[in-house]
N, C-alpha and C. Protein backbone atom coordinates (compact mmCIF):
# COMPACT_ATOMS: atom_id res chain seq x y z
N UNK A 1 -6.75 2.21 4.56
CA UNK A 1 -7.68 3.32 4.66
C UNK A 1 -7.20 4.47 3.78
N UNK A 2 -8.10 5.08 3.05
CA UNK A 2 -7.75 6.17 2.15
C UNK A 2 -7.44 7.44 2.95
N UNK A 3 -6.58 8.24 2.40
CA UNK A 3 -6.25 9.52 3.01
C UNK A 3 -7.32 10.54 2.68
N UNK A 4 -7.47 11.52 3.56
CA UNK A 4 -8.34 12.66 3.28
C UNK A 4 -7.41 13.86 3.11
N UNK A 5 -7.55 14.56 2.00
CA UNK A 5 -6.69 15.70 1.71
C UNK A 5 -7.47 16.99 1.91
N UNK A 6 -6.89 17.91 2.65
CA UNK A 6 -7.54 19.19 2.91
C UNK A 6 -7.29 20.21 1.81
N UNK A 7 -6.23 19.99 1.02
CA UNK A 7 -5.95 20.89 -0.09
C UNK A 7 -5.17 20.14 -1.16
N UNK A 8 -5.06 20.76 -2.32
CA UNK A 8 -4.38 20.12 -3.44
C UNK A 8 -2.90 19.89 -3.16
N UNK A 9 -2.29 20.79 -2.39
CA UNK A 9 -0.87 20.62 -2.05
C UNK A 9 -0.63 19.32 -1.29
N UNK A 10 -1.54 18.97 -0.38
CA UNK A 10 -1.40 17.72 0.39
C UNK A 10 -1.50 16.51 -0.54
N UNK A 11 -2.42 16.56 -1.49
CA UNK A 11 -2.55 15.47 -2.46
C UNK A 11 -1.30 15.35 -3.32
N UNK A 12 -0.82 16.48 -3.82
CA UNK A 12 0.37 16.48 -4.68
C UNK A 12 1.58 15.94 -3.91
N UNK A 13 1.70 16.31 -2.64
CA UNK A 13 2.81 15.81 -1.82
C UNK A 13 2.72 14.30 -1.63
N UNK A 14 1.52 13.74 -1.66
CA UNK A 14 1.32 12.30 -1.46
C UNK A 14 1.39 11.50 -2.76
N UNK A 15 1.45 12.17 -3.90
CA UNK A 15 1.47 11.47 -5.17
C UNK A 15 2.61 10.45 -5.32
N UNK A 16 3.83 10.74 -4.84
CA UNK A 16 4.87 9.70 -4.96
C UNK A 16 4.49 8.39 -4.26
N UNK A 17 3.88 8.47 -3.09
CA UNK A 17 3.44 7.27 -2.39
C UNK A 17 2.33 6.57 -3.16
N UNK A 18 1.39 7.33 -3.67
CA UNK A 18 0.29 6.74 -4.44
C UNK A 18 0.81 6.08 -5.72
N UNK A 19 1.76 6.72 -6.37
CA UNK A 19 2.32 6.16 -7.60
C UNK A 19 3.08 4.87 -7.32
N UNK A 20 3.80 4.84 -6.22
CA UNK A 20 4.54 3.61 -5.88
C UNK A 20 3.56 2.47 -5.60
N UNK A 21 2.48 2.78 -4.91
CA UNK A 21 1.46 1.79 -4.60
C UNK A 21 0.79 1.26 -5.87
N UNK A 22 0.64 2.13 -6.87
CA UNK A 22 -0.04 1.76 -8.11
C UNK A 22 0.93 1.43 -9.24
N UNK A 23 2.21 1.29 -8.93
CA UNK A 23 3.23 1.14 -9.98
C UNK A 23 2.95 -0.03 -10.93
N UNK A 24 2.52 -1.16 -10.39
CA UNK A 24 2.25 -2.31 -11.26
C UNK A 24 1.14 -1.99 -12.25
N UNK A 25 0.06 -1.37 -11.79
CA UNK A 25 -1.04 -0.99 -12.68
C UNK A 25 -0.60 0.08 -13.67
N UNK A 26 0.19 1.04 -13.19
CA UNK A 26 0.66 2.12 -14.06
C UNK A 26 1.60 1.61 -15.13
N UNK A 27 2.33 0.53 -14.84
CA UNK A 27 3.31 0.03 -15.79
C UNK A 27 2.66 -0.50 -17.07
N UNK A 28 1.36 -0.78 -17.03
CA UNK A 28 0.66 -1.27 -18.22
C UNK A 28 0.14 -0.12 -19.08
N UNK A 29 0.28 1.11 -18.59
CA UNK A 29 -0.24 2.27 -19.32
C UNK A 29 0.86 2.88 -20.19
N UNK A 30 0.50 3.40 -21.36
CA UNK A 30 1.50 4.08 -22.18
C UNK A 30 1.90 5.40 -21.52
N UNK A 31 3.12 5.86 -21.76
CA UNK A 31 3.55 7.14 -21.20
C UNK A 31 2.62 8.26 -21.65
N UNK A 32 2.54 9.29 -20.85
CA UNK A 32 1.69 10.42 -21.19
C UNK A 32 1.89 11.58 -20.24
N UNK A 33 1.32 12.71 -20.60
CA UNK A 33 1.39 13.93 -19.79
C UNK A 33 -0.03 14.29 -19.39
N UNK A 34 -0.24 14.40 -18.08
CA UNK A 34 -1.56 14.67 -17.53
C UNK A 34 -1.54 15.97 -16.74
N UNK A 35 -2.66 16.65 -16.75
CA UNK A 35 -2.75 17.90 -16.01
C UNK A 35 -3.89 17.88 -15.02
N UNK A 36 -3.62 18.40 -13.84
CA UNK A 36 -4.66 18.71 -12.86
C UNK A 36 -4.70 20.24 -12.81
N UNK A 37 -5.75 20.82 -13.35
CA UNK A 37 -5.82 22.26 -13.52
C UNK A 37 -7.04 22.79 -12.77
N UNK A 38 -6.80 23.77 -11.91
CA UNK A 38 -7.92 24.34 -11.16
C UNK A 38 -8.38 25.63 -11.83
N UNK A 39 -9.63 25.96 -11.60
CA UNK A 39 -10.17 27.21 -12.13
C UNK A 39 -9.57 28.40 -11.39
N UNK A 40 -8.86 28.13 -10.29
CA UNK A 40 -8.15 29.18 -9.56
C UNK A 40 -6.77 29.47 -10.17
N UNK A 41 -6.42 28.75 -11.27
CA UNK A 41 -5.16 29.01 -11.95
C UNK A 41 -4.01 28.10 -11.55
N UNK A 42 -4.26 27.10 -10.76
CA UNK A 42 -3.22 26.16 -10.34
C UNK A 42 -3.14 25.03 -11.34
N UNK A 43 -1.94 24.71 -11.82
CA UNK A 43 -1.73 23.61 -12.76
C UNK A 43 -0.63 22.71 -12.25
N UNK A 44 -0.92 21.42 -12.19
CA UNK A 44 0.06 20.42 -11.79
C UNK A 44 0.18 19.43 -12.94
N UNK A 45 1.41 19.17 -13.35
CA UNK A 45 1.66 18.22 -14.43
C UNK A 45 2.17 16.91 -13.86
N UNK A 46 1.56 15.82 -14.30
CA UNK A 46 1.99 14.48 -13.94
C UNK A 46 2.43 13.82 -15.24
N UNK A 47 3.71 13.48 -15.33
CA UNK A 47 4.23 12.79 -16.51
C UNK A 47 4.40 11.32 -16.18
N UNK A 48 3.62 10.48 -16.84
CA UNK A 48 3.74 9.04 -16.67
C UNK A 48 4.82 8.55 -17.62
N UNK A 49 5.83 7.87 -17.07
CA UNK A 49 6.96 7.39 -17.84
C UNK A 49 6.87 5.88 -18.02
N UNK A 50 7.78 5.32 -18.79
CA UNK A 50 7.84 3.87 -18.99
C UNK A 50 7.98 3.16 -17.64
N UNK A 51 7.40 1.98 -17.55
CA UNK A 51 7.56 1.15 -16.36
C UNK A 51 6.79 1.63 -15.14
N UNK A 52 5.83 2.53 -15.33
CA UNK A 52 5.02 2.98 -14.20
C UNK A 52 5.66 4.08 -13.37
N UNK A 53 6.81 4.57 -13.79
CA UNK A 53 7.43 5.69 -13.07
C UNK A 53 6.73 6.98 -13.48
N UNK A 54 6.90 8.03 -12.67
CA UNK A 54 6.29 9.29 -13.03
C UNK A 54 7.13 10.46 -12.52
N UNK A 55 6.89 11.61 -13.11
CA UNK A 55 7.48 12.87 -12.68
C UNK A 55 6.35 13.83 -12.38
N UNK A 56 6.60 14.70 -11.46
CA UNK A 56 5.60 15.66 -11.02
C UNK A 56 6.19 17.05 -11.14
N UNK A 57 5.43 18.00 -11.68
CA UNK A 57 5.94 19.36 -11.82
C UNK A 57 4.79 20.34 -11.92
N UNK A 58 5.07 21.58 -11.59
CA UNK A 58 4.13 22.65 -11.89
C UNK A 58 4.18 22.86 -13.39
N UNK A 59 3.27 23.60 -13.94
CA UNK A 59 3.28 23.78 -15.38
C UNK A 59 2.68 25.11 -15.77
N UNK A 60 2.93 25.46 -16.99
CA UNK A 60 2.33 26.66 -17.57
C UNK A 60 0.92 26.30 -18.05
N UNK A 61 0.01 27.26 -18.02
CA UNK A 61 -1.37 26.97 -18.44
C UNK A 61 -1.50 26.47 -19.87
N UNK A 62 -0.52 26.76 -20.72
CA UNK A 62 -0.63 26.35 -22.12
C UNK A 62 0.14 25.07 -22.43
N UNK A 63 0.57 24.33 -21.40
CA UNK A 63 1.29 23.08 -21.63
C UNK A 63 0.40 22.08 -22.36
N UNK A 64 0.98 21.32 -23.25
CA UNK A 64 0.23 20.33 -24.02
C UNK A 64 0.08 19.05 -23.19
N UNK A 65 -1.14 18.74 -22.83
CA UNK A 65 -1.45 17.54 -22.06
C UNK A 65 -2.08 16.50 -22.97
N UNK A 66 -1.81 15.23 -22.69
CA UNK A 66 -2.57 14.18 -23.35
C UNK A 66 -3.99 14.18 -22.81
N UNK A 67 -4.12 14.49 -21.52
CA UNK A 67 -5.41 14.56 -20.86
C UNK A 67 -5.30 15.51 -19.67
N UNK A 68 -6.27 16.37 -19.50
CA UNK A 68 -6.26 17.30 -18.36
C UNK A 68 -7.64 17.34 -17.72
N UNK A 69 -7.64 17.40 -16.41
CA UNK A 69 -8.86 17.63 -15.65
C UNK A 69 -8.87 19.09 -15.25
N UNK A 70 -9.97 19.78 -15.52
CA UNK A 70 -10.10 21.18 -15.17
C UNK A 70 -11.32 21.31 -14.26
N UNK A 71 -11.09 21.86 -13.06
CA UNK A 71 -12.18 21.96 -12.09
C UNK A 71 -11.84 22.98 -11.02
N UNK A 72 -12.83 23.41 -10.31
CA UNK A 72 -12.61 24.17 -9.09
C UNK A 72 -11.84 23.26 -8.14
N UNK A 73 -10.88 23.81 -7.40
CA UNK A 73 -10.06 22.97 -6.51
C UNK A 73 -10.93 22.21 -5.51
N UNK A 74 -11.97 22.80 -5.04
CA UNK A 74 -12.86 22.14 -4.07
C UNK A 74 -13.53 20.91 -4.69
N UNK A 75 -13.96 21.02 -5.96
CA UNK A 75 -14.58 19.89 -6.65
C UNK A 75 -13.56 18.80 -6.94
N UNK A 76 -12.36 19.20 -7.32
CA UNK A 76 -11.29 18.23 -7.57
C UNK A 76 -10.96 17.45 -6.30
N UNK A 77 -10.87 18.15 -5.18
CA UNK A 77 -10.60 17.49 -3.91
C UNK A 77 -11.74 16.56 -3.49
N UNK A 78 -12.96 16.93 -3.79
CA UNK A 78 -14.10 16.07 -3.46
C UNK A 78 -13.99 14.74 -4.19
N UNK A 79 -13.53 14.77 -5.44
CA UNK A 79 -13.34 13.53 -6.18
C UNK A 79 -12.17 12.75 -5.62
N UNK A 80 -11.06 13.42 -5.39
CA UNK A 80 -9.87 12.76 -4.85
C UNK A 80 -10.18 12.11 -3.51
N UNK A 81 -10.98 12.76 -2.68
CA UNK A 81 -11.33 12.25 -1.36
C UNK A 81 -12.48 11.25 -1.38
N UNK A 82 -13.02 10.95 -2.57
CA UNK A 82 -14.10 9.98 -2.67
C UNK A 82 -15.45 10.50 -2.23
N UNK A 83 -15.58 11.83 -2.13
CA UNK A 83 -16.84 12.44 -1.69
C UNK A 83 -17.76 12.76 -2.87
N UNK A 84 -17.21 12.72 -4.08
CA UNK A 84 -17.97 13.04 -5.29
C UNK A 84 -17.66 11.99 -6.34
N UNK A 85 -18.69 11.48 -6.97
CA UNK A 85 -18.51 10.52 -8.05
C UNK A 85 -17.95 11.26 -9.26
N UNK A 86 -16.82 10.80 -9.82
CA UNK A 86 -16.23 11.53 -10.94
C UNK A 86 -17.11 11.56 -12.19
N UNK A 87 -17.83 10.50 -12.48
CA UNK A 87 -18.70 10.48 -13.66
C UNK A 87 -19.81 11.51 -13.50
N UNK A 88 -20.40 11.56 -12.32
CA UNK A 88 -21.45 12.55 -12.05
C UNK A 88 -20.90 13.96 -12.18
N UNK A 89 -19.70 14.18 -11.65
CA UNK A 89 -19.07 15.51 -11.73
C UNK A 89 -18.85 15.92 -13.18
N UNK A 90 -18.45 14.98 -14.02
CA UNK A 90 -18.25 15.28 -15.45
C UNK A 90 -19.59 15.57 -16.12
N UNK A 91 -20.59 14.72 -15.84
CA UNK A 91 -21.90 14.89 -16.46
C UNK A 91 -22.55 16.23 -16.10
N UNK A 92 -22.33 16.70 -14.87
CA UNK A 92 -22.93 17.95 -14.43
C UNK A 92 -22.01 19.16 -14.64
N UNK A 93 -20.90 18.94 -15.34
CA UNK A 93 -20.02 20.04 -15.69
C UNK A 93 -19.14 20.57 -14.58
N UNK A 94 -19.06 19.86 -13.46
CA UNK A 94 -18.19 20.32 -12.37
C UNK A 94 -16.73 20.09 -12.73
N UNK A 95 -16.48 19.11 -13.58
CA UNK A 95 -15.13 18.81 -14.05
C UNK A 95 -15.19 18.71 -15.57
N UNK A 96 -14.22 19.31 -16.21
CA UNK A 96 -14.09 19.19 -17.66
C UNK A 96 -12.86 18.35 -17.94
N UNK A 97 -12.97 17.49 -18.93
CA UNK A 97 -11.86 16.65 -19.35
C UNK A 97 -11.43 17.15 -20.72
N UNK A 98 -10.18 17.57 -20.82
CA UNK A 98 -9.64 18.04 -22.10
C UNK A 98 -8.64 17.01 -22.60
N UNK A 99 -8.67 16.77 -23.89
CA UNK A 99 -7.74 15.81 -24.48
C UNK A 99 -8.37 14.42 -24.57
N UNK A 100 -7.52 13.42 -24.56
CA UNK A 100 -7.92 12.03 -24.74
C UNK A 100 -8.58 11.49 -23.47
N UNK A 101 -9.88 11.35 -23.51
CA UNK A 101 -10.63 10.91 -22.33
C UNK A 101 -10.26 9.49 -21.90
N UNK A 102 -9.87 8.65 -22.84
CA UNK A 102 -9.46 7.29 -22.48
C UNK A 102 -8.18 7.30 -21.64
N UNK A 103 -7.34 8.30 -21.83
CA UNK A 103 -6.12 8.41 -21.04
C UNK A 103 -6.41 8.75 -19.58
N UNK A 104 -7.60 9.23 -19.34
CA UNK A 104 -8.02 9.53 -17.97
C UNK A 104 -7.95 8.29 -17.09
N UNK A 105 -8.12 7.12 -17.68
CA UNK A 105 -8.05 5.87 -16.91
C UNK A 105 -6.68 5.67 -16.29
N UNK A 106 -5.62 6.08 -16.98
CA UNK A 106 -4.27 5.96 -16.42
C UNK A 106 -4.14 6.85 -15.20
N UNK A 107 -4.65 8.06 -15.29
CA UNK A 107 -4.58 8.99 -14.15
C UNK A 107 -5.41 8.47 -12.99
N UNK A 108 -6.54 7.86 -13.28
CA UNK A 108 -7.43 7.34 -12.23
C UNK A 108 -6.76 6.23 -11.42
N UNK A 109 -5.79 5.56 -11.96
CA UNK A 109 -5.08 4.49 -11.24
C UNK A 109 -4.31 5.03 -10.04
N UNK A 110 -4.04 6.32 -10.02
CA UNK A 110 -3.35 6.92 -8.88
C UNK A 110 -4.27 7.09 -7.67
N UNK A 111 -5.56 7.09 -7.92
CA UNK A 111 -6.52 7.37 -6.83
C UNK A 111 -6.98 6.13 -6.12
């Protein structure tokens, strides 16, 4: 059963478990730097390393990401919780994807 996250902090705290669960799928992805950026000014950096390992850190707003999702925290949580279709959210401008959109697939493996 999927978890329901009440805030971004709860999701970020659960990322190590999610990454371990998805490690085999993540191991096929090239390394990269991903950002979860809220319009409220919160930035979380996920660095995908060789072999499906990852590092998690806060970041500066000007950090260079291979791919970043930018959204209101509420909209980001709706996608994470499966309450909002990510493609629909992108099409209607609720989420912006900056950088290499194909790299978004690697980040999606965590969900």
